[in-house]
Protein backbone atom coordinates (compact mmCIF):
# COMPACT_ATOMS: atom_id res chain seq x y z
CA MET A 1 -47.72 -42.71 -42.54
CA SER A 2 -43.90 -43.62 -41.88
CA PRO A 3 -42.71 -44.44 -38.65
CA ILE A 4 -40.55 -42.24 -36.78
CA ASN A 5 -37.30 -43.97 -35.59
CA LYS A 6 -35.98 -43.06 -32.06
CA THR A 7 -32.76 -43.49 -30.40
CA TYR A 8 -31.23 -42.83 -26.76
CA GLY A 9 -28.04 -43.83 -24.73
CA TYR A 10 -27.50 -44.23 -21.48
CA VAL A 11 -24.11 -42.83 -20.06
CA THR A 12 -22.90 -44.02 -17.20
CA ARG A 13 -20.08 -43.46 -14.55
CA VAL A 14 -19.02 -44.75 -11.20
CA LYS A 15 -18.36 -41.72 -8.94
CA GLY A 16 -17.21 -42.86 -5.37
CA ARG A 17 -19.36 -46.21 -5.15
CA LYS A 18 -22.09 -45.32 -6.68
CA ARG A 19 -23.22 -45.62 -10.08
CA GLN A 20 -24.64 -42.21 -11.69
CA VAL A 21 -26.46 -41.44 -15.13
CA LEU A 22 -26.31 -38.88 -17.35
CA VAL A 23 -29.78 -36.80 -17.28
CA PHE A 24 -30.59 -33.38 -17.85
CA ARG A 25 -33.57 -30.57 -17.22
CA HIS A 26 -35.24 -30.02 -20.11
CA PRO A 27 -35.51 -26.15 -20.58
CA ILE A 28 -39.15 -26.26 -20.85
CA SER A 29 -39.65 -26.99 -17.03
CA GLU A 30 -42.89 -29.50 -17.51
CA ALA A 31 -40.78 -31.73 -19.87
CA GLY A 32 -38.74 -32.11 -16.49
CA ILE A 33 -36.04 -34.42 -16.35
CA GLN A 34 -35.09 -36.13 -19.21
CA ILE A 35 -32.07 -38.87 -21.09
CA PRO A 36 -30.40 -37.75 -24.05
CA LYS A 37 -32.54 -38.89 -26.97
CA GLY A 38 -33.45 -37.76 -30.51
CA THR A 39 -34.70 -38.39 -33.94
CA VAL A 40 -32.73 -41.06 -36.35
CA ASN A 41 -32.46 -39.07 -39.57
CA PRO A 42 -33.42 -41.22 -42.90
CA GLU A 43 -29.61 -41.35 -43.98
CA GLU A 44 -28.49 -42.52 -40.15
CA ASN A 45 -28.51 -46.26 -38.60
CA THR A 46 -29.25 -45.99 -34.94
CA GLN A 47 -25.56 -46.60 -33.48
CA ASP A 48 -24.37 -43.60 -35.65
CA ALA A 49 -27.43 -41.28 -34.35
CA VAL A 50 -26.62 -42.30 -30.69
């Protein structure tokens, strides 16, 4: 079995004097709050996938 490469990125901003991280609530409530992430396609490198 071949490994499945995954990638993720943290998107931050400073608002006021607080640092914030981009997150989203998954449509499936059991999955909770998540950061953007995904699978790297065979023809992609990880930087392009992010």
